[in-house]
Amino acid sequence: MLALGLSLQDAVDYAGELCSASIARFLAGKRRLPSFDNGGRVDREVGIYVRGLGEIGSLEAYTGASRVHVISVGKGEGYEKRES
């Protein structure tokens, strides 16, 4: 982050913004997934895989004084920001 000239707090805030953007891209991509076999075996297996990706992406991060909690990304619910 030195290359960007960011203070430690600015770097943490920037990292939080990158995480939020990544989660938003994941959820948008998940919403765009087509059906591959009209709800059959392939769709179920793709669903399991995507849920797994979301669970890997589940995390808690802190940005500034606010706590950002990722809620069940695997189920597509996104994140909420809670003041701490």
C-alpha atoms as a PDB file:
ATOM      1  CA  MET A   1       0.000   0.000   0.000  1.00  0.00           C
ATOM      2  CA  LEU A   2       3.019   2.216   0.230  1.00  0.00           C
ATOM      3  CA  ALA A   3       3.011   2.433  -3.566  1.00  0.00           C
ATOM      4  CA  LEU A   4      -0.466   3.967  -3.356  1.00  0.00           C
ATOM      5  CA  GLY A   5       0.623   6.380  -0.644  1.00  0.00           C
ATOM      6  CA  LEU A   6      -1.983   5.109   1.828  1.00  0.00           C
ATOM      7  CA  SER A   7      -1.814   5.307   5.599  1.00  0.00           C
ATOM      8  CA  LEU A   8      -2.440   2.101   7.522  1.00  0.00           C
ATOM      9  CA  GLN A   9      -6.100   3.031   8.105  1.00  0.00           C
ATOM     10  CA  ASP A  10      -6.589   4.049   4.481  1.00  0.00           C
ATOM     11  CA  ALA A  11      -5.042   0.738   3.393  1.00  0.00           C
ATOM     12  CA  VAL A  12      -7.450  -1.209   5.630  1.00  0.00           C
ATOM     13  CA  ASP A  13     -10.378   0.817   4.287  1.00  0.00           C
ATOM     14  CA  TYR A  14      -9.208   0.183   0.714  1.00  0.00           C
ATOM     15  CA  ALA A  15      -8.899  -3.551   1.381  1.00  0.00           C
ATOM     16  CA  GLY A  16     -12.443  -3.523   2.774  1.00  0.00           C
ATOM     17  CA  GLU A  17     -13.704  -1.790  -0.370  1.00  0.00           C
ATOM     18  CA  LEU A  18     -11.962  -4.423  -2.519  1.00  0.00           C
ATOM     19  CA  CYS A  19     -13.613  -7.202  -0.482  1.00  0.00           C
ATOM     20  CA  SER A  20     -17.037  -5.578  -0.800  1.00  0.00           C
ATOM     21  CA  ALA A  21     -16.594  -5.188  -4.559  1.00  0.00           C
ATOM     22  CA  SER A  22     -15.498  -8.816  -4.870  1.00  0.00           C
ATOM     23  CA  ILE A  23     -18.554 -10.013  -2.943  1.00  0.00           C
ATOM     24  CA  ALA A  24     -20.834  -7.866  -5.103  1.00  0.00           C
ATOM     25  CA  ARG A  25     -19.295  -9.343  -8.285  1.00  0.00           C
ATOM     26  CA  PHE A  26     -19.733 -12.869  -6.937  1.00  0.00           C
ATOM     27  CA  LEU A  27     -23.401 -12.283  -6.075  1.00  0.00           C
ATOM     28  CA  ALA A  28     -24.077 -10.649  -9.456  1.00  0.00           C
ATOM     29  CA  GLY A  29     -22.475 -13.585 -11.246  1.00  0.00           C
ATOM     30  CA  LYS A  30     -24.483 -16.030  -9.159  1.00  0.00           C
ATOM     31  CA  ARG A  31     -27.713 -14.259 -10.145  1.00  0.00           C
ATOM     32  CA  ARG A  32     -26.755 -14.546 -13.830  1.00  0.00           C
ATOM     33  CA  LEU A  33     -26.123 -18.299 -13.741  1.00  0.00           C
ATOM     34  CA  PRO A  34     -28.316 -20.038 -16.320  1.00  0.00           C
ATOM     35  CA  SER A  35     -30.003 -23.379 -15.914  1.00  0.00           C
ATOM     36  CA  PHE A  36     -28.015 -26.099 -17.615  1.00  0.00           C
ATOM     37  CA  ASP A  37     -30.611 -28.872 -17.500  1.00  0.00           C
ATOM     38  CA  ASN A  38     -33.884 -27.359 -16.249  1.00  0.00           C
ATOM     39  CA  GLY A  39     -33.321 -28.063 -12.565  1.00  0.00           C
ATOM     40  CA  GLY A  40     -31.789 -31.489 -13.043  1.00  0.00           C
ATOM     41  CA  ARG A  41     -28.624 -33.096 -11.768  1.00  0.00           C
ATOM     42  CA  VAL A  42     -26.241 -30.631 -13.413  1.00  0.00           C
ATOM     43  CA  ASP A  43     -28.069 -27.616 -11.925  1.00  0.00           C
ATOM     44  CA  ARG A  44     -27.983 -29.241  -8.463  1.00  0.00           C
ATOM     45  CA  GLU A  45     -24.247 -29.932  -8.744  1.00  0.00           C
ATOM     46  CA  VAL A  46     -23.538 -26.413  -9.994  1.00  0.00           C
ATOM     47  CA  GLY A  47     -25.577 -25.105  -7.046  1.00  0.00           C
ATOM     48  CA  ILE A  48     -23.510 -27.158  -4.601  1.00  0.00           C
ATOM     49  CA  TYR A  49     -20.291 -25.882  -6.179  1.00  0.00           C
ATOM     50  CA  VAL A  50     -21.410 -22.233  -6.104  1.00  0.00           C
ATOM     51  CA  ARG A  51     -22.567 -22.557  -2.474  1.00  0.00           C
ATOM     52  CA  GLY A  52     -19.108 -23.914  -1.653  1.00  0.00           C
ATOM     53  CA  LEU A  53     -17.475 -20.950  -3.335  1.00  0.00           C
ATOM     54  CA  GLY A  54     -19.676 -18.641  -1.286  1.00  0.00           C
ATOM     55  CA  GLU A  55     -18.787 -20.426   1.937  1.00  0.00           C
ATOM     56  CA  ILE A  56     -15.098 -20.041   1.160  1.00  0.00           C
ATOM     57  CA  GLY A  57     -15.812 -16.331   0.634  1.00  0.00           C
ATOM     58  CA  SER A  58     -17.649 -15.952   3.965  1.00  0.00           C
ATOM     59  CA  LEU A  59     -15.625 -13.784   6.283  1.00  0.00           C
ATOM     60  CA  GLU A  60     -15.727 -11.060   8.856  1.00  0.00           C
ATOM     61  CA  ALA A  61     -13.672  -7.975   8.179  1.00  0.00           C
ATOM     62  CA  TYR A  62     -13.203  -4.689   9.925  1.00  0.00           C
ATOM     63  CA  THR A  63     -13.020  -1.397   8.080  1.00  0.00           C
ATOM     64  CA  GLY A  64     -12.530   1.719  10.120  1.00  0.00           C
ATOM     65  CA  ALA A  65     -14.829   1.807  13.130  1.00  0.00           C
ATOM     66  CA  SER A  66     -17.519  -0.177  11.344  1.00  0.00           C
ATOM     67  CA  ARG A  67     -17.837  -3.924  11.381  1.00  0.00           C
ATOM     68  CA  VAL A  68     -18.719  -5.551   8.072  1.00  0.00           C
ATOM     69  CA  HIS A  69     -20.195  -9.014   8.432  1.00  0.00           C
ATOM     70  CA  VAL A  70     -20.695 -11.207   5.386  1.00  0.00           C
ATOM     71  CA  ILE A  71     -23.919 -13.095   5.774  1.00  0.00           C
ATOM     72  CA  SER A  72     -24.283 -16.417   4.034  1.00  0.00           C
ATOM     73  CA  VAL A  73     -22.761 -15.506   0.700  1.00  0.00           C
ATOM     74  CA  GLY A  74     -23.423 -19.067  -0.413  1.00  0.00           C
ATOM     75  CA  LYS A  75     -27.123 -18.321  -0.193  1.00  0.00           C
ATOM     76  CA  GLY A  76     -26.714 -14.980  -1.942  1.00  0.00           C
ATOM     77  CA  GLU A  77     -27.702 -12.778   0.937  1.00  0.00           C
ATOM     78  CA  GLY A  78     -24.709 -10.448   0.756  1.00  0.00           C
ATOM     79  CA  TYR A  79     -23.354  -8.377   3.577  1.00  0.00           C
ATOM     80  CA  GLU A  80     -24.510  -5.862   6.088  1.00  0.00           C
ATOM     81  CA  LYS A  81     -22.624  -3.104   7.811  1.00  0.00           C
ATOM     82  CA  ARG A  82     -23.000  -2.863  11.572  1.00  0.00           C
ATOM     83  CA  GLU A  83     -21.686   0.037  13.567  1.00  0.00           C
ATOM     84  CA  SER A  84     -19.557  -1.169  16.455  1.00  0.00           C
END
